[in-house]
N, C-alpha and C. Protein backbone atom coordinates (compact mmCIF):
# COMPACT_ATOMS: atom_id res chain seq x y z
N MET A 1 153.57 109.95 49.19
CA MET A 1 153.15 110.86 48.15
C MET A 1 152.09 110.22 47.26
N THR A 2 152.17 108.90 47.12
CA THR A 2 151.16 108.22 46.30
C THR A 2 149.80 108.34 46.95
N GLU A 3 149.73 108.14 48.26
CA GLU A 3 148.44 108.22 48.96
C GLU A 3 147.90 109.64 48.99
N ARG A 4 148.74 110.59 49.31
CA ARG A 4 148.27 111.96 49.49
C ARG A 4 148.08 112.73 48.18
N TYR A 5 149.01 112.55 47.24
CA TYR A 5 148.98 113.35 46.02
C TYR A 5 148.71 112.52 44.76
N GLU A 6 148.46 111.22 44.94
CA GLU A 6 148.24 110.30 43.82
C GLU A 6 149.41 110.32 42.84
N THR A 7 150.60 110.40 43.39
CA THR A 7 151.82 110.42 42.58
C THR A 7 152.19 109.00 42.16
N ASP A 8 152.53 108.85 40.91
CA ASP A 8 153.03 107.58 40.41
C ASP A 8 154.55 107.59 40.61
N PRO A 9 155.12 106.67 41.41
CA PRO A 9 156.56 106.67 41.64
C PRO A 9 157.37 106.62 40.35
N ALA A 10 156.82 106.02 39.29
CA ALA A 10 157.53 105.95 38.02
C ALA A 10 157.72 107.34 37.39
N ASP A 11 156.94 108.32 37.83
CA ASP A 11 157.06 109.69 37.33
C ASP A 11 157.96 110.56 38.20
N MET A 12 158.46 110.02 39.29
CA MET A 12 159.26 110.81 40.23
C MET A 12 160.72 110.86 39.83
N ILE A 13 161.36 111.95 40.22
CA ILE A 13 162.80 112.12 40.09
C ILE A 13 163.31 112.42 41.49
N ALA A 14 164.34 111.70 41.91
CA ALA A 14 164.92 111.90 43.24
C ALA A 14 166.38 112.29 43.10
N ALA A 15 166.78 113.32 43.81
CA ALA A 15 168.17 113.76 43.82
C ALA A 15 168.61 113.89 45.27
N LEU A 16 169.61 113.12 45.64
CA LEU A 16 170.15 113.17 46.99
C LEU A 16 171.40 114.03 47.00
N GLY A 17 171.41 115.01 47.84
CA GLY A 17 172.54 115.93 47.92
C GLY A 17 173.70 115.34 48.70
N PRO A 18 174.69 116.16 48.98
CA PRO A 18 175.87 115.70 49.71
C PRO A 18 175.51 115.16 51.09
N GLY A 19 176.24 114.15 51.48
CA GLY A 19 176.08 113.55 52.80
C GLY A 19 177.31 112.71 53.09
N ILE A 20 177.34 112.12 54.25
CA ILE A 20 178.48 111.28 54.60
C ILE A 20 178.46 110.02 53.73
N SER A 21 179.61 109.65 53.22
CA SER A 21 179.68 108.49 52.32
C SER A 21 179.76 107.19 53.11
N GLY A 22 179.48 106.10 52.42
CA GLY A 22 179.53 104.78 53.04
C GLY A 22 180.91 104.38 53.52
N ASN A 23 181.95 104.97 52.95
CA ASN A 23 183.31 104.66 53.37
C ASN A 23 183.70 105.37 54.67
N CYS A 24 182.91 106.36 55.07
CA CYS A 24 183.25 107.18 56.23
C CYS A 24 182.26 107.05 57.39
N TYR A 25 181.10 106.46 57.15
CA TYR A 25 180.06 106.45 58.17
C TYR A 25 180.15 105.18 59.01
N GLU A 26 180.94 105.27 60.08
CA GLU A 26 181.10 104.15 61.00
C GLU A 26 180.03 104.23 62.09
N VAL A 27 179.36 103.11 62.30
CA VAL A 27 178.31 103.03 63.31
C VAL A 27 178.48 101.75 64.12
N VAL A 28 177.81 101.69 65.26
CA VAL A 28 177.83 100.48 66.08
C VAL A 28 176.66 99.58 65.69
N ASP A 29 176.73 98.35 66.12
CA ASP A 29 175.74 97.33 65.76
C ASP A 29 174.31 97.79 66.02
N GLU A 30 174.11 98.54 67.07
CA GLU A 30 172.78 99.04 67.43
C GLU A 30 172.13 99.83 66.28
N CYS A 31 172.93 100.54 65.50
CA CYS A 31 172.41 101.32 64.37
C CYS A 31 172.05 100.44 63.18
N ILE A 32 172.60 99.25 63.11
CA ILE A 32 172.35 98.35 61.99
C ILE A 32 171.08 97.54 62.20
N VAL A 33 170.71 97.32 63.45
CA VAL A 33 169.55 96.48 63.79
C VAL A 33 168.28 96.86 63.01
N PRO A 34 167.89 98.14 62.92
CA PRO A 34 166.67 98.46 62.16
C PRO A 34 166.78 98.09 60.68
N PHE A 35 167.96 98.20 60.11
CA PHE A 35 168.14 97.84 58.70
C PHE A 35 168.01 96.33 58.52
N ARG A 36 168.57 95.56 59.45
CA ARG A 36 168.49 94.10 59.37
C ARG A 36 167.04 93.63 59.38
N SER A 37 166.24 94.24 60.23
CA SER A 37 164.85 93.79 60.37
C SER A 37 163.96 94.28 59.24
N ARG A 38 164.35 95.33 58.56
CA ARG A 38 163.48 95.92 57.55
C ARG A 38 163.86 95.59 56.11
N TYR A 39 165.14 95.37 55.86
CA TYR A 39 165.62 95.18 54.49
C TYR A 39 166.32 93.83 54.33
N PRO A 40 165.77 92.94 53.51
CA PRO A 40 166.41 91.64 53.31
C PRO A 40 167.82 91.76 52.71
N ASP A 41 168.06 92.83 51.95
CA ASP A 41 169.37 93.01 51.31
C ASP A 41 170.29 93.95 52.10
N TRP A 42 170.09 94.04 53.41
CA TRP A 42 170.83 94.98 54.24
C TRP A 42 172.34 94.83 54.13
N ARG A 43 172.83 93.63 53.85
CA ARG A 43 174.28 93.43 53.74
C ARG A 43 174.86 94.09 52.49
N GLU A 44 174.01 94.50 51.57
CA GLU A 44 174.48 95.18 50.36
C GLU A 44 174.95 96.61 50.67
N PHE A 45 174.51 97.19 51.78
CA PHE A 45 174.92 98.54 52.12
C PHE A 45 175.47 98.67 53.55
N CYS A 46 175.74 97.53 54.19
CA CYS A 46 176.33 97.50 55.53
C CYS A 46 177.54 96.56 55.50
N ASP A 47 178.71 97.09 55.82
CA ASP A 47 179.93 96.29 55.81
C ASP A 47 180.51 96.18 57.21
N PRO A 48 180.77 94.94 57.68
CA PRO A 48 181.33 94.77 59.02
C PRO A 48 182.79 95.24 59.08
N LEU A 49 183.13 95.89 60.18
CA LEU A 49 184.51 96.31 60.41
C LEU A 49 185.16 95.44 61.49
N GLY A 50 184.35 94.69 62.21
CA GLY A 50 184.86 93.89 63.32
C GLY A 50 184.27 94.38 64.63
N GLY A 51 184.14 93.45 65.56
CA GLY A 51 183.49 93.80 66.82
C GLY A 51 182.07 94.23 66.55
N ASP A 52 181.66 95.33 67.12
CA ASP A 52 180.30 95.83 66.85
C ASP A 52 180.33 97.05 65.93
N GLN A 53 181.39 97.21 65.14
CA GLN A 53 181.54 98.36 64.25
C GLN A 53 181.17 97.99 62.81
N TRP A 54 180.50 98.91 62.14
CA TRP A 54 180.04 98.73 60.76
C TRP A 54 180.27 100.00 59.96
N LEU A 55 180.37 99.85 58.65
CA LEU A 55 180.27 100.97 57.73
C LEU A 55 178.87 100.92 57.15
N LEU A 56 178.13 102.02 57.25
CA LEU A 56 176.76 102.09 56.75
C LEU A 56 176.71 103.06 55.58
N ASN A 57 176.33 102.56 54.42
CA ASN A 57 176.24 103.37 53.22
C ASN A 57 174.81 103.90 53.09
N LEU A 58 174.53 105.02 53.75
CA LEU A 58 173.19 105.59 53.74
C LEU A 58 172.72 106.01 52.35
N PRO A 59 173.56 106.64 51.53
CA PRO A 59 173.07 106.98 50.19
C PRO A 59 172.60 105.75 49.41
N ASP A 60 173.31 104.65 49.51
CA ASP A 60 172.89 103.44 48.80
C ASP A 60 171.62 102.87 49.40
N ALA A 61 171.49 102.93 50.72
CA ALA A 61 170.26 102.45 51.37
C ALA A 61 169.05 103.26 50.90
N VAL A 62 169.21 104.57 50.79
CA VAL A 62 168.11 105.43 50.33
C VAL A 62 167.79 105.13 48.87
N ARG A 63 168.83 104.96 48.05
CA ARG A 63 168.62 104.63 46.63
C ARG A 63 167.81 103.34 46.51
N ARG A 64 168.17 102.33 47.28
CA ARG A 64 167.46 101.05 47.24
C ARG A 64 166.01 101.22 47.72
N GLN A 65 165.81 102.02 48.75
CA GLN A 65 164.46 102.26 49.27
C GLN A 65 163.60 102.95 48.21
N LEU A 66 164.15 103.91 47.50
CA LEU A 66 163.40 104.59 46.44
C LEU A 66 163.04 103.62 45.32
N MET A 67 163.97 102.74 44.97
CA MET A 67 163.70 101.76 43.90
C MET A 67 162.60 100.79 44.32
N VAL A 68 162.64 100.33 45.57
CA VAL A 68 161.59 99.43 46.07
C VAL A 68 160.23 100.14 46.04
N ALA A 69 160.24 101.45 46.26
CA ALA A 69 159.00 102.23 46.24
C ALA A 69 158.50 102.48 44.81
N GLY A 70 159.32 102.12 43.81
CA GLY A 70 158.88 102.25 42.43
C GLY A 70 159.53 103.35 41.62
N VAL A 71 160.46 104.08 42.21
CA VAL A 71 161.17 105.12 41.46
C VAL A 71 162.22 104.42 40.58
N PRO A 72 162.18 104.62 39.27
CA PRO A 72 163.16 103.97 38.40
C PRO A 72 164.60 104.38 38.75
N GLU A 73 165.49 103.41 38.69
CA GLU A 73 166.89 103.67 39.06
C GLU A 73 167.49 104.83 38.25
N GLY A 74 167.14 104.94 36.98
CA GLY A 74 167.66 106.01 36.14
C GLY A 74 167.15 107.39 36.51
N GLN A 75 166.17 107.45 37.40
CA GLN A 75 165.61 108.74 37.83
C GLN A 75 166.04 109.08 39.26
N ILE A 76 167.07 108.37 39.74
CA ILE A 76 167.63 108.63 41.07
C ILE A 76 169.06 109.09 40.89
N SER A 77 169.36 110.25 41.43
CA SER A 77 170.70 110.82 41.32
C SER A 77 171.29 110.97 42.72
N LEU A 78 172.52 110.48 42.89
CA LEU A 78 173.21 110.60 44.17
C LEU A 78 174.41 111.51 43.99
N ALA A 79 174.54 112.51 44.85
CA ALA A 79 175.71 113.38 44.80
C ALA A 79 176.94 112.55 45.19
N SER A 80 178.05 112.81 44.55
CA SER A 80 179.26 112.04 44.83
C SER A 80 180.12 112.69 45.91
N PHE A 81 179.65 113.76 46.49
CA PHE A 81 180.41 114.47 47.51
C PHE A 81 180.22 113.82 48.88
N CYS A 82 181.27 113.86 49.69
CA CYS A 82 181.20 113.33 51.06
C CYS A 82 181.42 114.46 52.05
N THR A 83 180.42 114.73 52.87
CA THR A 83 180.52 115.84 53.82
C THR A 83 181.55 115.57 54.92
N PHE A 84 181.87 114.31 55.15
CA PHE A 84 182.86 113.98 56.18
C PHE A 84 184.29 114.15 55.67
N SER A 85 184.58 113.62 54.50
CA SER A 85 185.97 113.62 54.01
C SER A 85 186.35 114.92 53.29
N GLU A 86 185.38 115.71 52.88
CA GLU A 86 185.68 116.94 52.14
C GLU A 86 185.52 118.17 53.05
N SER A 87 186.46 118.31 53.97
CA SER A 87 186.37 119.37 54.98
C SER A 87 186.47 120.78 54.40
N ALA A 88 187.10 120.93 53.25
CA ALA A 88 187.19 122.26 52.64
C ALA A 88 185.87 122.71 52.05
N ARG A 89 184.97 121.76 51.77
CA ARG A 89 183.69 122.08 51.14
C ARG A 89 182.51 122.07 52.08
N PHE A 90 182.55 121.17 53.09
CA PHE A 90 181.34 120.93 53.88
C PHE A 90 181.62 120.92 55.37
N PHE A 91 180.62 121.30 56.14
CA PHE A 91 180.63 121.14 57.58
C PHE A 91 180.26 119.70 57.90
N SER A 92 180.74 119.20 59.02
CA SER A 92 180.37 117.87 59.48
C SER A 92 180.46 117.83 60.99
N TYR A 93 179.33 117.67 61.65
CA TYR A 93 179.33 117.56 63.10
C TYR A 93 180.09 116.31 63.53
N ARG A 94 179.94 115.23 62.78
CA ARG A 94 180.62 113.99 63.11
C ARG A 94 182.15 114.17 63.05
N ARG A 95 182.62 114.94 62.11
CA ARG A 95 184.06 115.17 61.94
C ARG A 95 184.57 116.26 62.87
N ASP A 96 183.85 117.38 62.95
CA ASP A 96 184.35 118.58 63.63
C ASP A 96 183.79 118.82 65.02
N GLY A 97 182.70 118.16 65.36
CA GLY A 97 182.04 118.46 66.62
C GLY A 97 181.28 119.76 66.51
N SER A 98 181.02 120.36 67.63
CA SER A 98 180.23 121.59 67.67
C SER A 98 181.15 122.78 67.87
N PRO A 99 180.86 123.94 67.36
CA PRO A 99 179.76 124.28 66.46
C PRO A 99 180.15 124.00 65.00
N THR A 100 179.15 123.86 64.18
CA THR A 100 179.37 123.69 62.74
C THR A 100 178.47 124.66 62.01
N GLY A 101 178.60 124.69 60.72
CA GLY A 101 177.73 125.51 59.88
C GLY A 101 176.48 124.73 59.54
N ARG A 102 175.80 125.13 58.52
CA ARG A 102 174.54 124.49 58.14
C ARG A 102 174.54 124.13 56.67
N LEU A 103 173.77 123.11 56.33
CA LEU A 103 173.51 122.73 54.95
C LEU A 103 172.03 122.96 54.70
N LEU A 104 171.64 123.13 53.46
CA LEU A 104 170.26 123.38 53.10
C LEU A 104 169.76 122.30 52.18
N SER A 105 168.56 121.82 52.41
CA SER A 105 167.92 120.85 51.52
C SER A 105 166.62 121.44 51.02
N VAL A 106 166.24 121.03 49.81
CA VAL A 106 165.00 121.50 49.22
C VAL A 106 164.22 120.30 48.72
N ILE A 107 162.93 120.27 49.02
CA ILE A 107 162.04 119.24 48.53
C ILE A 107 160.90 119.95 47.83
N GLY A 108 160.56 119.51 46.64
CA GLY A 108 159.51 120.21 45.92
C GLY A 108 158.65 119.30 45.09
N ILE A 109 157.46 119.74 44.85
CA ILE A 109 156.53 119.05 43.95
C ILE A 109 156.29 119.98 42.79
N PHE A 110 156.58 119.52 41.58
CA PHE A 110 156.45 120.37 40.39
C PHE A 110 155.40 119.83 39.47
């Protein structure tokens, strides 16, 4: 956005909606490899479970990525809802398989 729209990251506000939480998102080692190579602090949002299993906290990884890009931490909001553990509120392909419903995301420039 800085290159295309000359946006100053310090002026941005980021809001991340519901998603799978770090306590529920189990992945195999193969999914962690890109984070290891790209983020020196990858262990801050990846917890080993044993063997090749990990818990990956995607909301925290995104929050950290936004901060590195220059968005102030106070201007980043993370929804506290977990689409995996809150089955009464949200669909989850990972939890329920197919078919599932849909979620909607909105991105805007104001």
